[in-house]
């Protein structure tokens, strides 16, 4: 069967002002993808996001899980920084507003 994924986020651990994002296979520990993202503001909150059934993870190194990063300056970014993750965030916002 397909293994469960795990997304790890570590802010500032590598160097101040960076966020290290890693997507791992929960069964094997294999790294699907990872990146370091420059932060322009502190991380206030991390919100896990899960896309609908039509979003397929692990395609082209993508992870099933994504996360919205709420910054101290009231801006929002998403990890991984991909078009698919942006779509998942848009779905979550629409769902929260009662839309589809």
N, C-alpha and C. Protein backbone atom coordinates (compact mmCIF):
# COMPACT_ATOMS: atom_id res chain seq x y z
N UNK A 1 0.82 -1.20 0.00
CA UNK A 1 0.00 0.00 0.00
C UNK A 1 0.85 1.24 0.00
N UNK A 2 0.20 2.35 -0.17
CA UNK A 2 0.90 3.63 -0.23
C UNK A 2 1.19 4.12 1.18
N UNK A 3 2.42 4.55 1.43
CA UNK A 3 2.81 5.02 2.75
C UNK A 3 2.26 6.40 3.05
N UNK A 4 2.09 6.67 4.31
CA UNK A 4 1.66 7.99 4.75
C UNK A 4 2.85 8.94 4.68
N UNK A 5 2.61 10.16 4.26
CA UNK A 5 3.67 11.15 4.19
C UNK A 5 3.79 11.93 5.48
N UNK A 6 4.88 12.59 5.67
CA UNK A 6 5.11 13.43 6.83
C UNK A 6 5.79 14.69 6.34
N UNK A 7 5.30 15.82 6.79
CA UNK A 7 5.92 17.08 6.44
C UNK A 7 6.55 17.67 7.69
N UNK A 8 7.83 17.96 7.64
CA UNK A 8 8.52 18.57 8.76
C UNK A 8 8.89 20.00 8.42
N UNK A 9 8.68 20.90 9.35
CA UNK A 9 9.00 22.30 9.14
C UNK A 9 9.84 22.76 10.32
N UNK A 10 10.99 23.36 10.04
CA UNK A 10 11.87 23.85 11.08
C UNK A 10 12.23 25.30 10.75
N UNK A 11 11.74 26.23 11.51
CA UNK A 11 12.02 27.64 11.26
C UNK A 11 13.29 28.06 11.98
N UNK A 12 14.21 28.66 11.24
CA UNK A 12 15.40 29.25 11.82
C UNK A 12 16.45 28.29 12.32
N UNK A 13 16.24 27.00 12.13
CA UNK A 13 17.20 26.03 12.67
C UNK A 13 18.50 26.03 11.87
N UNK A 14 18.41 26.17 10.54
CA UNK A 14 19.61 26.20 9.71
C UNK A 14 20.35 27.52 9.88
N UNK A 15 19.63 28.59 9.78
CA UNK A 15 20.17 29.94 9.97
C UNK A 15 18.97 30.86 10.17
N UNK A 16 19.13 31.95 10.91
CA UNK A 16 18.00 32.86 11.15
C UNK A 16 17.42 33.35 9.82
N UNK A 17 16.09 33.45 9.78
CA UNK A 17 15.44 33.96 8.58
C UNK A 17 15.16 32.91 7.53
N UNK A 18 15.32 31.63 7.86
CA UNK A 18 15.01 30.57 6.90
C UNK A 18 14.04 29.57 7.51
N UNK A 19 13.31 28.92 6.64
CA UNK A 19 12.42 27.85 7.03
C UNK A 19 12.82 26.64 6.20
N UNK A 20 13.12 25.54 6.87
CA UNK A 20 13.53 24.30 6.18
C UNK A 20 12.32 23.38 6.17
N UNK A 21 11.83 23.06 4.97
CA UNK A 21 10.66 22.21 4.79
C UNK A 21 11.11 20.88 4.21
N UNK A 22 10.62 19.76 4.79
CA UNK A 22 10.98 18.43 4.31
C UNK A 22 9.73 17.56 4.24
N UNK A 23 9.57 16.83 3.13
CA UNK A 23 8.48 15.87 2.97
C UNK A 23 9.08 14.47 2.95
N UNK A 24 8.69 13.67 3.94
CA UNK A 24 9.23 12.31 4.09
C UNK A 24 8.14 11.27 3.92
N UNK A 25 8.52 10.10 3.43
CA UNK A 25 7.63 8.95 3.44
C UNK A 25 7.64 8.41 4.86
N UNK A 26 6.48 8.33 5.49
CA UNK A 26 6.39 7.92 6.88
C UNK A 26 6.80 6.48 7.15
N UNK A 27 6.76 5.63 6.14
CA UNK A 27 7.14 4.23 6.33
C UNK A 27 8.61 3.98 6.08
N UNK A 28 9.16 4.62 5.05
CA UNK A 28 10.54 4.33 4.66
C UNK A 28 11.53 5.41 5.08
N UNK A 29 11.03 6.62 5.38
CA UNK A 29 11.92 7.73 5.69
C UNK A 29 12.52 8.39 4.47
N UNK A 30 12.13 7.92 3.28
CA UNK A 30 12.65 8.50 2.04
C UNK A 30 12.19 9.95 1.91
N UNK A 31 13.10 10.84 1.52
CA UNK A 31 12.77 12.24 1.32
C UNK A 31 12.15 12.39 -0.06
N UNK A 32 10.89 12.84 -0.10
CA UNK A 32 10.23 13.10 -1.38
C UNK A 32 10.69 14.44 -1.95
N UNK A 33 10.78 15.44 -1.09
CA UNK A 33 11.25 16.76 -1.51
C UNK A 33 11.57 17.58 -0.28
N UNK A 34 12.35 18.63 -0.48
CA UNK A 34 12.68 19.55 0.60
C UNK A 34 13.15 20.86 0.01
N UNK A 35 13.06 21.91 0.81
CA UNK A 35 13.54 23.21 0.36
C UNK A 35 13.78 24.10 1.57
N UNK A 36 14.51 25.14 1.35
CA UNK A 36 14.73 26.18 2.35
C UNK A 36 14.12 27.46 1.79
N UNK A 37 13.30 28.09 2.60
CA UNK A 37 12.58 29.27 2.16
C UNK A 37 13.01 30.45 3.02
N UNK A 38 13.32 31.57 2.38
CA UNK A 38 13.70 32.78 3.11
C UNK A 38 12.45 33.40 3.74
N UNK A 39 12.55 33.70 5.02
CA UNK A 39 11.44 34.32 5.74
C UNK A 39 11.68 35.82 5.85
N UNK A 40 10.64 36.60 5.60
CA UNK A 40 10.75 38.05 5.75
C UNK A 40 10.09 38.52 7.04
N UNK A 41 9.43 37.61 7.75
CA UNK A 41 8.78 37.91 9.02
C UNK A 41 8.76 36.64 9.85
N UNK A 42 8.58 36.78 11.15
CA UNK A 42 8.55 35.61 12.03
C UNK A 42 7.35 34.72 11.70
N UNK A 43 7.46 33.44 12.05
CA UNK A 43 6.36 32.49 11.87
C UNK A 43 5.47 32.57 13.11
N UNK A 44 4.20 32.94 12.91
CA UNK A 44 3.26 33.04 14.02
C UNK A 44 2.50 31.74 14.21
N UNK A 45 2.18 31.04 13.10
CA UNK A 45 1.41 29.81 13.20
C UNK A 45 1.61 28.99 11.93
N UNK A 46 1.55 27.67 12.07
CA UNK A 46 1.63 26.75 10.94
C UNK A 46 0.31 25.97 10.90
N UNK A 47 -0.38 26.05 9.77
CA UNK A 47 -1.67 25.38 9.61
C UNK A 47 -1.56 24.26 8.58
N UNK A 48 -1.68 23.00 8.99
CA UNK A 48 -1.64 21.90 8.02
C UNK A 48 -2.84 21.99 7.08
N UNK A 49 -2.62 21.71 5.80
CA UNK A 49 -3.68 21.72 4.80
C UNK A 49 -3.68 20.40 4.06
N UNK A 50 -4.85 19.91 3.76
CA UNK A 50 -4.98 18.67 3.00
C UNK A 50 -5.89 18.93 1.82
N UNK A 51 -5.41 18.65 0.62
CA UNK A 51 -6.18 18.90 -0.59
C UNK A 51 -7.28 17.88 -0.80
N UNK A 52 -8.15 18.20 -1.74
CA UNK A 52 -9.23 17.29 -2.08
C UNK A 52 -8.68 16.08 -2.81
N UNK A 53 -9.56 15.15 -3.12
CA UNK A 53 -9.15 13.89 -3.75
C UNK A 53 -8.51 14.09 -5.11
N UNK A 54 -8.76 15.23 -5.78
CA UNK A 54 -8.17 15.39 -7.11
C UNK A 54 -6.75 15.94 -7.07
N UNK A 55 -6.22 16.20 -5.88
CA UNK A 55 -4.82 16.59 -5.75
C UNK A 55 -4.02 15.34 -5.41
N UNK A 56 -3.09 14.98 -6.27
CA UNK A 56 -2.32 13.76 -6.05
C UNK A 56 -0.91 14.13 -5.60
N UNK A 57 -0.51 13.59 -4.46
CA UNK A 57 0.82 13.86 -3.92
C UNK A 57 1.87 12.96 -4.52
N UNK A 58 3.09 13.29 -4.25
CA UNK A 58 4.27 12.54 -4.67
C UNK A 58 4.41 12.49 -6.19
N UNK A 59 3.74 13.37 -6.91
CA UNK A 59 3.91 13.49 -8.35
C UNK A 59 4.97 14.57 -8.55
N UNK A 60 5.99 14.27 -9.30
CA UNK A 60 7.08 15.22 -9.56
C UNK A 60 7.68 15.73 -8.25
N UNK A 61 7.81 14.85 -7.26
CA UNK A 61 8.44 15.22 -6.00
C UNK A 61 7.58 16.01 -5.05
N UNK A 62 6.28 16.12 -5.32
CA UNK A 62 5.41 16.88 -4.43
C UNK A 62 4.96 16.02 -3.26
N UNK A 63 4.53 16.68 -2.22
CA UNK A 63 4.05 16.01 -1.02
C UNK A 63 2.54 16.13 -0.94
N UNK A 64 1.88 15.13 -0.39
CA UNK A 64 0.43 15.20 -0.22
C UNK A 64 0.05 16.31 0.75
N UNK A 65 0.82 16.48 1.80
CA UNK A 65 0.51 17.52 2.77
C UNK A 65 1.13 18.84 2.34
N UNK A 66 0.42 19.89 2.66
CA UNK A 66 0.94 21.24 2.50
C UNK A 66 0.64 21.99 3.79
N UNK A 67 1.20 23.16 3.94
CA UNK A 67 0.92 23.95 5.13
C UNK A 67 0.88 25.42 4.78
N UNK A 68 -0.04 26.12 5.42
CA UNK A 68 -0.08 27.58 5.32
C UNK A 68 0.77 28.11 6.47
N UNK A 69 1.63 29.03 6.16
CA UNK A 69 2.49 29.66 7.17
C UNK A 69 1.94 31.06 7.43
N UNK A 70 1.47 31.29 8.64
CA UNK A 70 0.98 32.60 9.05
C UNK A 70 2.16 33.34 9.66
N UNK A 71 2.47 34.51 9.10
CA UNK A 71 3.62 35.29 9.55
C UNK A 71 3.21 36.37 10.54
N UNK A 72 4.18 36.83 11.30
CA UNK A 72 3.95 37.88 12.28
C UNK A 72 3.46 39.19 11.70
N UNK A 73 3.73 39.42 10.40
CA UNK A 73 3.28 40.66 9.76
C UNK A 73 1.93 40.47 9.06
N UNK A 74 1.20 39.41 9.43
CA UNK A 74 -0.14 39.09 8.90
C UNK A 74 -0.15 38.68 7.43
N UNK A 75 1.00 38.27 6.90
CA UNK A 75 1.02 37.71 5.55
C UNK A 75 0.95 36.19 5.67
N UNK A 76 0.63 35.54 4.56
CA UNK A 76 0.51 34.08 4.52
C UNK A 76 1.32 33.56 3.36
N UNK A 77 2.06 32.49 3.59
CA UNK A 77 2.74 31.79 2.51
C UNK A 77 2.38 30.32 2.64
N UNK A 78 2.78 29.53 1.66
CA UNK A 78 2.43 28.12 1.66
C UNK A 78 3.67 27.30 1.34
N UNK A 79 3.80 26.15 2.00
CA UNK A 79 4.88 25.22 1.69
C UNK A 79 4.28 23.87 1.34
N UNK A 80 4.83 23.20 0.36
CA UNK A 80 5.88 23.69 -0.53
C UNK A 80 5.33 24.81 -1.41
N UNK A 81 6.22 25.63 -1.93
CA UNK A 81 5.83 26.76 -2.77
C UNK A 81 5.60 26.27 -4.20
N UNK A 82 4.44 25.63 -4.42
CA UNK A 82 4.10 25.10 -5.74
C UNK A 82 2.70 25.56 -6.12
N UNK A 83 2.37 25.45 -7.40
CA UNK A 83 1.02 25.78 -7.86
C UNK A 83 -0.01 24.90 -7.16
N UNK A 84 0.30 23.63 -7.00
CA UNK A 84 -0.63 22.70 -6.35
C UNK A 84 -0.92 23.13 -4.91
N UNK A 85 0.11 23.55 -4.19
CA UNK A 85 -0.08 24.00 -2.81
C UNK A 85 -0.94 25.26 -2.76
N UNK A 86 -0.74 26.16 -3.71
CA UNK A 86 -1.56 27.37 -3.77
C UNK A 86 -3.03 27.01 -4.01
N UNK A 87 -3.28 26.00 -4.85
CA UNK A 87 -4.65 25.54 -5.10
C UNK A 87 -5.27 24.96 -3.84
N UNK A 88 -4.49 24.20 -3.08
CA UNK A 88 -4.98 23.61 -1.83
C UNK A 88 -5.35 24.72 -0.85
N UNK A 89 -4.53 25.76 -0.76
CA UNK A 89 -4.82 26.89 0.12
C UNK A 89 -6.10 27.60 -0.32
N UNK A 90 -6.25 27.82 -1.63
CA UNK A 90 -7.46 28.46 -2.14
C UNK A 90 -8.70 27.63 -1.82
N UNK A 91 -8.61 26.30 -1.94
CA UNK A 91 -9.72 25.41 -1.57
C UNK A 91 -10.08 25.56 -0.10
N UNK A 92 -9.07 25.62 0.76
CA UNK A 92 -9.31 25.73 2.20
C UNK A 92 -10.00 27.05 2.54
N UNK A 93 -9.58 28.13 1.90
CA UNK A 93 -10.20 29.44 2.14
C UNK A 93 -11.65 29.42 1.66
N UNK A 94 -11.88 28.88 0.46
CA UNK A 94 -13.24 28.81 -0.08
C UNK A 94 -14.14 27.96 0.81
N UNK A 95 -13.61 26.85 1.31
CA UNK A 95 -14.37 25.95 2.17
C UNK A 95 -14.72 26.64 3.49
N UNK A 96 -13.78 27.40 4.03
CA UNK A 96 -14.01 28.11 5.29
C UNK A 96 -15.09 29.18 5.13
N UNK A 97 -15.19 29.72 3.92
CA UNK A 97 -16.21 30.74 3.64
C UNK A 97 -17.54 30.12 3.25
N UNK A 98 -17.60 28.78 3.21
CA UNK A 98 -18.84 28.09 2.86
C UNK A 98 -19.01 27.87 1.37
N UNK A 99 -17.96 28.14 0.59
CA UNK A 99 -18.04 27.96 -0.87
C UNK A 99 -17.42 26.66 -1.28
N UNK A 100 -17.52 26.34 -2.55
CA UNK A 100 -16.89 25.13 -3.08
C UNK A 100 -15.98 25.46 -4.21
